[in-house]
Amino acid sequence: MTDSITTLILVAALDSPWQDIEGVPVVSEHVLAALGQLTPLQHAWQEAAASDPATFQETRLRALRSHAIETGIIERLYDVDWGVTEALVAEGFSQEVVERAGGEVSRDTLAVIHDQYEALEFVSEAARGERPLSVSFIRELHQMISRHQETYEATDTLGRAANPPLLHGEWKRDPNHVTRPDGSVLEYCPPLRVQDQMERLVEFLGLDTSHAVVRAAWLHHRFISIHPFQDGNGRVARALVLLELLKARYAPLVVGRDVRSRYIAQLDAANEGDLEPLILLLADLERQAMIRQFQAPLQPETSGSVLEVARAAAAKLSDLQRASRRQKTAALAKLAVQINSRIEAKLKALDHELEQTFRPVDQSADVWVRRADVGTTEAGQFHGQLVKLARRHQFFANLTDGSWWSTLTLRLFEERLRLLVAVVRVGSGDTGVGAVIIQAERLFKDQEDQSPAYEWLFEPTELDQLALTGDLEFEAVWPDVDHLVDRSLAVAIAEFTRTLG
């Protein structure tokens, strides 16, 4: 098993220019503005969690299961296909679940995943309690995460593969560094300095009052730069991110396989002294994590006392709460109309230029744009696509009254590309939370019955959506929406033309 993103090199001796870690940096106004956008969403999901604790408890468990699986995939410890991952996240870690999902995951791999899950539960309990972060806590965390990992993959000074035993919860005994793709060497803390640097890390964090996401990003990177253990440092670092965010009453985020490349790049930017890209990535992932907490409500339990049922009903029927939620829902609807209107204008500005671009290869090439808002007769169109897309993003889309959507369709050689951008309400009832989701489809004639057939042109990733609340200003969210539409349309056109070629 390898420890991190690049191969670890064990060296007998290394003249390391190690410098003591420094404290949490001051971040730019741009980053502070991005973090400020998390606050209204955080308030909304906390309010929803209080009103439906059973549903939110289940989604929290699913987030921890997902983290437990993905944290090892990030490190190339094992691979689990997406269908099996979904089954394990929904039902728990067992060989029976794997077999029902039609996949193959070894018992050894399941044991490692289960260890990682138990370590995350340990972190969650610590976040709810009074136990402060300490050096001994981190060593205990490593011991739990790596319990069933007996060795790790390394390369000795002669370039030979080696599998030395892993010391659980103990600091590394040999110097280590990584060789980057460009040939440069990234050196980690020398073994003799690990204890004092870890104490310094904990001390800095205890004195800092920065935003939780800033603290989490700093803790992650500085921990990785020390690299205190022989193996498992990345998994421990991501567990420490979870700890910091849960302490600040944020949702448990997941660094998944979909964002691995961006994650590695942002960590490397931090190595060069720029922590802000990593902060913004964690902010994006936290936004998605909170959105995922909004699921269809669980079926009510029939057991329990009359008083328990009455108290739950009274809480949900509070006139004050309902009025507040209606206001939030109205504010979200206003923002959704603004966003949808601007998306339509953006797509219409592109349609003529796209037509002219493709007319030389197909004289009948055509592009058109459509739009609908909630309250119109066409608002319910694309219901099936949006349900599927929201499920892929792991949240519940409330499509009772439809959605705010815009489409751009490109017809080329009798086939069509359709880009769908929609603003949907998230969660059951008046949560005041929404999301921008986007997908592109290839529409073609089925060869057997000549009926229209569809296929996605790209698989959506964790970052192919944007969370919204009515508290946000249009000017604050539009640049992110604009970037999402540009990126998705470019990918869709490239993939569509590739299928035609």
Protein backbone atom coordinates (compact mmCIF):
# COMPACT_ATOMS: atom_id res chain seq x y z
CA MET A 1 0.00 0.00 0.00
CA THR A 2 1.37 3.44 -0.83
CA ASP A 3 1.07 6.32 1.55
CA SER A 4 0.18 9.22 -0.64
CA ILE A 5 -0.24 10.64 -4.07
CA THR A 6 3.36 10.04 -5.17
CA THR A 7 5.71 7.18 -4.38
CA LEU A 8 7.50 7.46 -1.05
CA ILE A 9 11.29 7.27 -1.21
CA LEU A 10 13.12 5.99 1.88
CA VAL A 11 16.63 7.42 2.22
CA ALA A 12 19.39 6.51 4.62
CA ALA A 13 20.34 10.12 5.18
CA LEU A 14 19.09 13.41 3.81
CA ASP A 15 20.39 16.90 4.36
CA SER A 16 16.93 18.44 4.63
CA PRO A 17 16.37 22.18 4.57
CA TRP A 18 13.36 21.69 6.82
CA GLN A 19 11.91 24.86 8.31
CA ASP A 20 9.57 25.05 11.28
CA ILE A 21 5.90 25.19 10.30
CA GLU A 22 4.23 28.59 10.46
CA GLY A 23 0.79 29.57 11.75
CA VAL A 24 -2.50 30.02 9.92
CA PRO A 25 -2.13 32.75 7.26
CA VAL A 26 -4.36 35.75 6.66
CA VAL A 27 -6.50 35.11 3.59
CA SER A 28 -7.66 37.45 0.83
CA GLU A 29 -10.99 39.26 0.58
CA HIS A 30 -11.90 36.98 -2.33
CA VAL A 31 -11.56 33.90 -0.13
CA LEU A 32 -13.43 35.52 2.75
CA ALA A 33 -16.30 36.34 0.37
CA ALA A 34 -16.44 32.72 -0.82
CA LEU A 35 -16.48 31.46 2.76
CA GLY A 36 -19.21 33.97 3.63
CA GLN A 37 -21.48 32.26 1.10
CA LEU A 38 -21.37 29.10 3.21
CA THR A 39 -23.04 30.76 6.20
CA PRO A 40 -26.66 30.99 4.98
CA LEU A 41 -26.51 27.43 3.66
CA GLN A 42 -25.09 26.25 6.98
CA HIS A 43 -27.95 27.91 8.84
CA ALA A 44 -30.49 26.34 6.47
CA TRP A 45 -29.23 22.79 6.83
CA GLN A 46 -28.88 23.11 10.60
CA GLU A 47 -32.48 24.25 10.79
CA ALA A 48 -33.61 21.38 8.57
CA ALA A 49 -31.57 18.92 10.64
CA ALA A 50 -33.30 20.08 13.81
CA SER A 51 -36.73 19.58 12.25
CA ASP A 52 -35.99 16.09 10.85
CA PRO A 53 -33.18 14.57 12.95
CA ALA A 54 -33.75 10.97 11.81
CA THR A 55 -33.22 11.78 8.13
CA PHE A 56 -30.18 13.93 8.82
CA GLN A 57 -28.64 11.28 11.07
CA GLU A 58 -28.94 8.75 8.26
CA THR A 59 -27.36 11.11 5.71
CA ARG A 60 -24.52 11.83 8.17
CA LEU A 61 -23.81 8.10 8.44
CA ARG A 62 -23.82 7.81 4.67
CA ALA A 63 -21.36 10.69 4.39
CA LEU A 64 -18.99 8.95 6.82
CA ARG A 65 -19.28 5.67 4.92
CA SER A 66 -18.54 7.50 1.67
CA HIS A 67 -15.52 9.21 3.25
CA ALA A 68 -14.27 5.85 4.56
CA ILE A 69 -14.34 4.37 1.05
CA GLU A 70 -13.08 7.37 -0.91
CA THR A 71 -10.17 8.19 1.40
CA GLY A 72 -8.48 4.91 0.44
CA ILE A 73 -9.31 5.25 -3.25
CA ILE A 74 -7.62 8.67 -3.24
CA GLU A 75 -4.44 6.95 -1.99
CA ARG A 76 -4.68 4.08 -4.52
CA LEU A 77 -4.95 1.58 -1.68
CA TYR A 78 -7.77 -0.22 -3.51
CA ASP A 79 -10.49 0.43 -6.06
CA VAL A 80 -14.24 0.06 -5.63
CA ASP A 81 -16.51 0.68 -8.62
CA TRP A 82 -19.23 3.27 -8.35
CA GLY A 83 -22.18 0.85 -8.17
CA VAL A 84 -20.65 -1.11 -5.29
CA THR A 85 -19.70 2.14 -3.56
CA GLU A 86 -23.31 3.32 -3.67
CA ALA A 87 -24.50 0.02 -2.19
CA LEU A 88 -21.92 0.08 0.61
CA VAL A 89 -22.75 3.70 1.43
CA ALA A 90 -26.46 2.94 1.57
CA GLU A 91 -26.38 -0.40 3.41
CA GLY A 92 -23.10 -0.68 5.28
CA PHE A 93 -19.85 -2.60 4.89
CA SER A 94 -20.39 -6.31 4.37
CA GLN A 95 -19.51 -8.96 1.80
CA GLU A 96 -23.23 -9.65 1.32
CA VAL A 97 -23.80 -6.07 0.16
CA VAL A 98 -20.88 -6.35 -2.28
CA GLU A 99 -22.27 -9.57 -3.73
CA ARG A 100 -25.79 -8.15 -4.10
CA ALA A 101 -24.29 -5.18 -5.96
CA GLY A 102 -22.55 -7.57 -8.34
CA GLY A 103 -19.05 -6.38 -7.50
CA GLU A 104 -15.82 -7.71 -6.11
CA VAL A 105 -14.20 -6.30 -2.97
CA SER A 106 -11.83 -8.48 -0.97
CA ARG A 107 -12.38 -9.11 2.71
CA ASP A 108 -9.02 -7.49 3.43
CA THR A 109 -10.15 -4.33 1.64
CA LEU A 110 -13.44 -4.32 3.54
CA ALA A 111 -11.49 -4.62 6.78
CA VAL A 112 -9.39 -1.57 5.86
CA ILE A 113 -12.52 0.39 4.91
CA HIS A 114 -14.20 -0.59 8.17
CA ASP A 115 -11.14 0.58 10.14
CA GLN A 116 -11.29 3.92 8.37
CA TYR A 117 -14.99 4.22 9.15
CA GLU A 118 -14.44 3.49 12.85
CA ALA A 119 -11.71 6.13 12.92
CA LEU A 120 -14.15 8.66 11.45
CA GLU A 121 -16.73 7.77 14.09
CA PHE A 122 -14.00 8.30 16.69
CA VAL A 123 -13.38 11.75 15.19
CA SER A 124 -17.13 12.52 15.18
CA GLU A 125 -17.41 11.64 18.86
CA ALA A 126 -14.42 13.85 19.63
CA ALA A 127 -16.03 16.75 17.76
CA ARG A 128 -19.17 16.42 19.88
CA GLY A 129 -17.26 16.13 23.14
CA GLU A 130 -14.74 18.15 25.06
CA ARG A 131 -11.58 16.33 24.06
CA PRO A 132 -9.19 18.84 22.46
CA LEU A 133 -6.90 18.02 19.56
CA SER A 134 -3.58 16.72 20.87
CA VAL A 135 -0.53 14.84 19.69
CA SER A 136 -1.70 11.71 21.49
CA PHE A 137 -5.13 12.00 19.82
CA ILE A 138 -3.49 12.09 16.38
CA ARG A 139 -1.37 9.02 17.17
CA GLU A 140 -4.46 7.17 18.38
CA LEU A 141 -6.29 8.17 15.21
CA HIS A 142 -3.51 6.78 13.03
CA GLN A 143 -3.54 3.53 14.98
CA MET A 144 -7.27 3.11 14.32
CA ILE A 145 -7.09 4.03 10.63
CA SER A 146 -4.26 1.60 9.89
CA ARG A 147 -5.23 -1.25 12.22
CA HIS A 148 -5.47 -3.94 9.51
CA GLN A 149 -2.62 -2.59 7.38
CA GLU A 150 0.50 -4.61 8.19
CA THR A 151 2.95 -3.21 5.60
CA TYR A 152 3.28 -0.35 3.16
CA GLU A 153 4.90 0.09 -0.25
CA ALA A 154 8.16 1.97 -0.44
CA THR A 155 11.36 2.19 -2.45
CA ASP A 156 14.76 1.78 -0.87
CA THR A 157 17.91 3.81 -1.61
CA LEU A 158 18.82 1.45 -4.47
CA GLY A 159 15.42 1.89 -6.14
CA ARG A 160 14.15 -1.53 -5.14
CA ALA A 161 10.54 -2.13 -4.08
CA ALA A 162 10.16 -2.81 -0.39
CA ASN A 163 7.29 -3.64 1.97
CA PRO A 164 8.45 -2.72 5.48
CA PRO A 165 6.11 -3.25 8.45
CA LEU A 166 3.85 -0.34 9.33
CA LEU A 167 4.20 1.02 12.86
CA HIS A 168 0.68 1.83 14.08
CA GLY A 169 0.45 5.15 15.91
CA GLU A 170 4.24 5.60 15.97
CA TRP A 171 6.25 8.36 14.32
CA LYS A 172 8.33 7.50 11.28
CA ARG A 173 11.90 6.34 11.93
CA ASP A 174 13.40 7.04 8.51
CA PRO A 175 13.53 10.29 6.54
CA ASN A 176 11.12 10.49 3.60
CA HIS A 177 10.48 12.74 0.66
CA VAL A 178 8.61 12.59 -2.64
CA THR A 179 9.83 13.19 -6.14
CA ARG A 180 7.38 15.32 -8.11
CA PRO A 181 6.55 14.69 -11.78
CA ASP A 182 8.91 17.53 -12.78
CA GLY A 183 11.79 15.86 -10.97
CA SER A 184 11.93 18.28 -8.05
CA VAL A 185 12.06 16.90 -4.53
CA LEU A 186 9.54 17.74 -1.83
CA GLU A 187 11.13 17.08 1.55
CA TYR A 188 9.20 16.29 4.70
CA CYS A 189 10.08 16.83 8.34
CA PRO A 190 13.12 14.83 9.56
CA PRO A 191 12.18 12.05 12.02
CA LEU A 192 14.00 13.71 14.93
CA ARG A 193 11.89 16.86 14.51
CA VAL A 194 8.46 15.20 14.20
CA GLN A 195 7.51 15.37 17.88
CA ASP A 196 8.28 19.06 18.34
CA GLN A 197 6.70 19.99 14.99
CA MET A 198 3.52 18.11 15.86
CA GLU A 199 3.39 19.88 19.21
CA ARG A 200 3.88 23.17 17.37
CA LEU A 201 1.04 22.25 14.96
CA VAL A 202 -1.39 21.60 17.81
CA GLU A 203 -0.31 24.76 19.64
CA PHE A 204 -0.84 26.98 16.58
CA LEU A 205 -4.29 25.53 15.97
CA GLY A 206 -5.32 26.02 19.60
CA LEU A 207 -4.53 29.74 19.43
CA ASP A 208 -6.09 30.45 16.03
CA THR A 209 -9.56 31.96 15.50
CA SER A 210 -9.80 31.85 11.71
CA HIS A 211 -12.77 30.49 9.73
CA ALA A 212 -13.17 26.73 10.20
CA VAL A 213 -12.49 25.98 6.52
CA VAL A 214 -9.27 28.01 6.63
CA ARG A 215 -8.18 26.17 9.77
CA ALA A 216 -9.03 22.81 8.20
CA ALA A 217 -7.05 23.56 5.03
CA TRP A 218 -4.07 24.80 7.05
CA LEU A 219 -4.17 21.78 9.37
CA HIS A 220 -4.39 19.39 6.40
CA HIS A 221 -1.44 20.88 4.55
CA ARG A 222 0.84 21.47 7.52
CA PHE A 223 0.21 17.94 8.77
CA ILE A 224 1.07 16.55 5.34
CA SER A 225 4.21 18.70 5.18
CA ILE A 226 5.38 17.14 8.46
CA HIS A 227 4.40 13.64 7.23
CA PRO A 228 4.81 12.20 10.73
CA PHE A 229 3.93 8.57 9.96
CA GLN A 230 5.41 6.02 7.60
CA ASP A 231 2.06 5.59 5.85
CA GLY A 232 -1.54 6.75 6.25
CA ASN A 233 -0.75 10.47 6.47
CA GLY A 234 -3.28 11.46 3.80
CA ARG A 235 -6.07 9.50 5.46
CA VAL A 236 -5.26 11.01 8.86
CA ALA A 237 -5.12 14.51 7.32
CA ARG A 238 -8.59 14.16 5.81
CA ALA A 239 -9.93 12.85 9.12
CA LEU A 240 -8.50 15.95 10.84
CA VAL A 241 -10.31 18.13 8.28
CA LEU A 242 -13.52 16.35 9.29
CA LEU A 243 -12.77 17.04 12.95
CA GLU A 244 -12.31 20.78 12.44
CA LEU A 245 -15.46 21.16 10.35
CA LEU A 246 -17.66 19.09 12.66
CA LYS A 247 -16.48 21.14 15.64
CA ALA A 248 -17.68 24.25 13.78
CA ARG A 249 -21.07 22.57 13.05
CA TYR A 250 -20.49 22.00 9.36
CA ALA A 251 -21.49 18.89 7.42
CA PRO A 252 -19.01 16.01 6.97
CA LEU A 253 -17.42 16.60 3.56
CA VAL A 254 -15.91 13.93 1.31
CA VAL A 255 -12.82 14.31 -0.87
CA GLY A 256 -13.88 11.88 -3.58
CA ARG A 257 -12.23 10.25 -6.57
CA ASP A 258 -13.95 12.78 -8.85
CA VAL A 259 -11.84 15.65 -7.53
CA ARG A 260 -8.57 13.78 -7.00
CA SER A 261 -6.65 15.67 -9.68
CA ARG A 262 -7.77 19.07 -8.44
CA TYR A 263 -7.10 18.04 -4.86
CA ILE A 264 -3.53 17.02 -5.66
CA ALA A 265 -2.94 20.24 -7.58
CA GLN A 266 -4.22 22.41 -4.72
CA LEU A 267 -2.03 20.58 -2.20
CA ASP A 268 0.94 21.21 -4.44
CA ALA A 269 0.02 24.89 -4.70
CA ALA A 270 0.08 24.97 -0.90
CA ASN A 271 3.56 23.44 -1.03
CA GLU A 272 4.58 26.49 -3.06
CA GLY A 273 3.16 28.82 -0.41
CA ASP A 274 -0.38 29.43 -1.70
CA LEU A 275 -2.96 27.85 0.61
CA GLU A 276 -5.97 29.63 -0.91
CA PRO A 277 -6.74 27.14 -3.72
CA LEU A 278 -6.99 24.36 -1.13
CA ILE A 279 -9.24 26.54 1.05
CA LEU A 280 -11.56 27.19 -1.91
CA LEU A 281 -11.64 23.49 -2.81
CA LEU A 282 -12.68 22.55 0.72
CA ALA A 283 -15.30 25.32 0.63
CA ASP A 284 -16.71 23.85 -2.60
CA LEU A 285 -16.77 20.36 -1.12
CA GLU A 286 -18.40 21.62 2.07
CA ARG A 287 -21.11 23.32 0.03
CA GLN A 288 -21.81 20.00 -1.72
CA ALA A 289 -21.74 18.16 1.60
CA MET A 290 -24.46 20.37 3.07
CA ILE A 291 -26.61 19.99 -0.05
CA ARG A 292 -26.37 16.20 0.24
CA GLN A 293 -27.90 16.38 3.69
CA PHE A 294 -31.25 17.25 2.11
CA GLN A 295 -32.93 13.94 1.33
CA ALA A 296 -36.49 12.71 1.08
CA PRO A 297 -37.82 12.38 4.64
CA LEU A 298 -37.70 8.94 6.21
CA GLN A 299 -40.98 7.16 6.84
CA PRO A 300 -42.19 8.00 10.36
CA GLU A 301 -41.69 5.37 13.02
CA THR A 302 -44.87 3.81 14.36
CA SER A 303 -43.27 3.09 17.72
CA GLY A 304 -42.68 5.65 20.44
CA SER A 305 -44.84 7.37 22.97
CA VAL A 306 -47.75 9.63 22.15
CA LEU A 307 -45.85 12.52 23.67
CA GLU A 308 -42.85 11.92 21.38
CA VAL A 309 -45.09 11.98 18.32
CA ALA A 310 -46.91 15.06 19.60
CA ARG A 311 -43.69 16.94 20.29
CA ALA A 312 -42.35 16.18 16.78
CA ALA A 313 -45.63 17.28 15.20
CA ALA A 314 -45.77 20.47 17.26
CA ALA A 315 -42.23 21.40 16.25
CA LYS A 316 -43.00 20.95 12.57
CA LEU A 317 -46.29 22.82 12.76
CA SER A 318 -44.94 25.94 14.40
CA ASP A 319 -46.51 28.94 12.67
CA LEU A 320 -43.39 31.00 13.16
CA GLN A 321 -41.15 28.41 11.56
CA ARG A 322 -43.47 27.95 8.61
CA ALA A 323 -43.67 31.67 7.96
CA SER A 324 -39.89 31.96 8.08
CA ARG A 325 -39.46 29.11 5.65
CA ARG A 326 -41.98 30.58 3.23
CA GLN A 327 -39.97 33.80 3.19
CA LYS A 328 -36.78 31.88 2.49
CA THR A 329 -38.46 29.92 -0.29
CA ALA A 330 -39.73 33.14 -1.89
CA ALA A 331 -36.25 34.65 -1.72
CA LEU A 332 -34.79 31.54 -3.36
CA ALA A 333 -37.40 31.70 -6.13
CA LYS A 334 -36.47 35.32 -6.85
CA LEU A 335 -32.78 34.39 -7.08
CA ALA A 336 -33.59 31.38 -9.29
CA VAL A 337 -35.49 33.58 -11.78
CA GLN A 338 -32.52 35.97 -11.95
CA ILE A 339 -30.09 33.15 -12.55
CA ASN A 340 -32.27 31.43 -15.15
CA SER A 341 -32.81 34.69 -17.02
CA ARG A 342 -29.07 35.36 -17.19
CA ILE A 343 -28.36 31.78 -18.30
CA GLU A 344 -30.91 32.13 -21.11
CA ALA A 345 -29.31 35.40 -22.21
CA LYS A 346 -25.84 33.83 -22.12
CA LEU A 347 -26.92 30.84 -24.22
CA LYS A 348 -28.76 33.04 -26.74
CA ALA A 349 -25.61 35.11 -27.15
CA LEU A 350 -23.84 31.91 -28.20
CA ASP A 351 -26.42 30.31 -30.51
CA HIS A 352 -25.69 32.28 -33.73
CA GLU A 353 -21.94 31.97 -33.29
CA LEU A 354 -22.20 28.21 -32.76
CA GLU A 355 -24.35 27.87 -35.88
CA GLN A 356 -21.79 29.75 -37.97
CA THR A 357 -19.02 27.61 -36.53
CA PHE A 358 -20.62 24.34 -37.65
CA ARG A 359 -22.31 25.41 -40.92
CA PRO A 360 -19.14 24.77 -42.99
CA VAL A 361 -19.29 21.07 -42.04
CA ASP A 362 -23.11 20.74 -42.06
CA GLN A 363 -25.24 23.29 -43.91
CA SER A 364 -28.28 22.29 -41.85
CA ALA A 365 -26.55 22.85 -38.50
CA ASP A 366 -28.94 24.60 -36.15
CA VAL A 367 -28.89 25.93 -32.57
CA TRP A 368 -31.81 27.05 -30.41
CA VAL A 369 -32.43 28.04 -26.79
CA ARG A 370 -35.46 27.44 -24.57
CA ARG A 371 -36.36 28.46 -21.03
CA ALA A 372 -39.07 27.87 -18.42
CA ASP A 373 -39.64 29.13 -14.88
CA VAL A 374 -41.57 27.59 -12.01
CA GLY A 375 -45.18 28.71 -12.45
CA THR A 376 -45.23 28.14 -16.22
CA THR A 377 -46.71 25.14 -18.00
CA GLU A 378 -43.30 23.84 -19.12
CA ALA A 379 -41.67 23.99 -15.69
CA GLY A 380 -42.25 20.27 -15.14
CA GLN A 381 -40.35 19.21 -18.24
CA PHE A 382 -37.12 17.20 -17.76
CA HIS A 383 -38.46 15.77 -14.49
CA GLY A 384 -36.85 12.37 -15.09
CA GLN A 385 -33.47 13.78 -16.07
CA LEU A 386 -33.38 16.08 -13.05
CA VAL A 387 -34.38 13.34 -10.60
CA LYS A 388 -31.58 11.17 -11.97
CA LEU A 389 -29.08 14.02 -11.86
CA ALA A 390 -29.96 15.01 -8.30
CA ARG A 391 -29.70 11.38 -7.22
CA ARG A 392 -26.22 11.24 -8.80
CA HIS A 393 -25.33 14.28 -6.68
CA GLN A 394 -26.84 12.50 -3.67
CA PHE A 395 -29.54 14.98 -2.69
CA PHE A 396 -33.32 15.11 -2.95
CA ALA A 397 -34.68 17.52 -5.57
CA ASN A 398 -38.15 18.86 -4.81
CA LEU A 399 -39.73 19.00 -8.28
CA THR A 400 -43.36 19.25 -7.17
CA ASP A 401 -43.82 22.50 -9.10
CA GLY A 402 -41.06 21.83 -11.63
CA SER A 403 -37.81 23.77 -11.90
CA TRP A 404 -36.25 26.84 -13.44
CA TRP A 405 -34.46 25.54 -16.53
CA SER A 406 -32.76 26.66 -19.74
CA THR A 407 -31.54 24.50 -22.61
CA LEU A 408 -29.26 24.97 -25.59
CA THR A 409 -29.73 22.43 -28.38
CA LEU A 410 -27.25 21.93 -31.23
CA ARG A 411 -28.43 19.85 -34.22
CA LEU A 412 -25.62 18.45 -36.31
CA PHE A 413 -25.82 15.59 -38.86
CA GLU A 414 -29.36 14.72 -37.71
CA GLU A 415 -28.24 14.22 -34.15
CA ARG A 416 -28.60 16.67 -31.28
CA LEU A 417 -26.69 17.86 -28.28
CA ARG A 418 -28.83 19.30 -25.51
CA LEU A 419 -27.32 21.18 -22.58
CA LEU A 420 -29.72 21.42 -19.65
CA VAL A 421 -29.07 23.91 -16.85
CA ALA A 422 -31.64 23.90 -14.05
CA VAL A 423 -32.20 25.51 -10.68
CA VAL A 424 -34.01 23.03 -8.43
CA ARG A 425 -35.31 23.27 -4.89
CA VAL A 426 -33.49 20.99 -2.47
CA GLY A 427 -35.07 18.97 0.31
CA SER A 428 -38.65 18.25 1.27
CA GLY A 429 -40.88 21.24 1.92
CA ASP A 430 -39.85 24.88 2.22
CA THR A 431 -36.15 24.57 3.02
CA GLY A 432 -35.13 27.75 1.22
CA VAL A 433 -32.21 25.83 -0.30
CA GLY A 434 -31.64 25.22 -3.99
CA ALA A 435 -28.98 24.03 -6.39
CA VAL A 436 -27.85 24.70 -9.93
CA ILE A 437 -27.33 21.37 -11.69
CA ILE A 438 -26.22 20.81 -15.26
CA GLN A 439 -26.03 17.99 -17.75
CA ALA A 440 -25.55 17.46 -21.48
CA GLU A 441 -27.23 14.72 -23.49
CA ARG A 442 -26.78 13.27 -26.94
CA LEU A 443 -30.13 12.64 -28.61
CA PHE A 444 -30.19 10.17 -31.50
CA LYS A 445 -32.46 7.68 -33.26
CA ASP A 446 -32.56 4.19 -31.83
CA GLN A 447 -31.51 1.80 -34.60
CA GLU A 448 -34.26 -0.74 -33.88
CA ASP A 449 -37.47 1.26 -33.46
CA GLN A 450 -36.31 4.72 -34.64
CA SER A 451 -37.52 6.30 -31.39
CA PRO A 452 -35.41 9.00 -29.70
CA ALA A 453 -32.62 7.65 -27.51
CA TYR A 454 -30.50 9.54 -25.01
CA GLU A 455 -27.10 9.26 -23.39
CA TRP A 456 -25.18 11.55 -21.07
CA LEU A 457 -22.19 13.21 -22.68
CA PHE A 458 -20.29 13.43 -19.41
CA GLU A 459 -20.61 11.91 -15.96
CA PRO A 460 -21.27 14.68 -13.41
CA THR A 461 -18.69 15.16 -10.69
CA GLU A 462 -19.03 16.55 -7.19
CA LEU A 463 -18.23 20.05 -8.45
CA ASP A 464 -20.78 20.07 -11.30
CA GLN A 465 -23.40 21.75 -9.14
CA LEU A 466 -23.75 24.89 -7.06
CA ALA A 467 -25.67 25.33 -3.83
CA LEU A 468 -27.97 28.34 -3.36
CA THR A 469 -29.97 30.00 -0.63
CA GLY A 470 -32.24 33.01 -0.87
CA ASP A 471 -29.87 34.99 1.35
CA LEU A 472 -27.26 35.12 -1.41
CA GLU A 473 -26.95 38.06 -3.78
CA PHE A 474 -27.15 37.39 -7.51
CA GLU A 475 -23.88 39.24 -8.19
CA ALA A 476 -22.10 37.00 -5.68
CA VAL A 477 -23.17 33.69 -7.21
CA TRP A 478 -23.32 34.51 -10.93
CA PRO A 479 -19.55 34.21 -11.62
CA ASP A 480 -19.61 30.62 -10.35
CA VAL A 481 -22.73 29.80 -12.40
CA ASP A 482 -21.17 31.43 -15.45
CA HIS A 483 -18.00 29.37 -15.06
CA LEU A 484 -19.98 26.15 -14.58
CA VAL A 485 -21.99 26.74 -17.78
CA ASP A 486 -18.88 27.60 -19.81
CA ARG A 487 -16.96 24.57 -18.62
CA SER A 488 -19.85 22.14 -19.10
CA LEU A 489 -20.75 23.39 -22.57
CA ALA A 490 -17.14 23.16 -23.72
CA VAL A 491 -16.88 19.56 -22.47
CA ALA A 492 -20.25 18.68 -24.01
CA ILE A 493 -19.36 20.04 -27.47
CA ALA A 494 -16.00 18.28 -27.47
CA GLU A 495 -17.58 14.95 -26.50
CA PHE A 496 -20.55 15.33 -28.89
CA THR A 497 -18.34 16.03 -31.91
CA ARG A 498 -16.08 13.14 -30.91
CA THR A 499 -19.05 10.74 -31.05
CA LEU A 500 -19.94 12.05 -34.51
CA GLY A 501 -16.42 11.60 -35.82
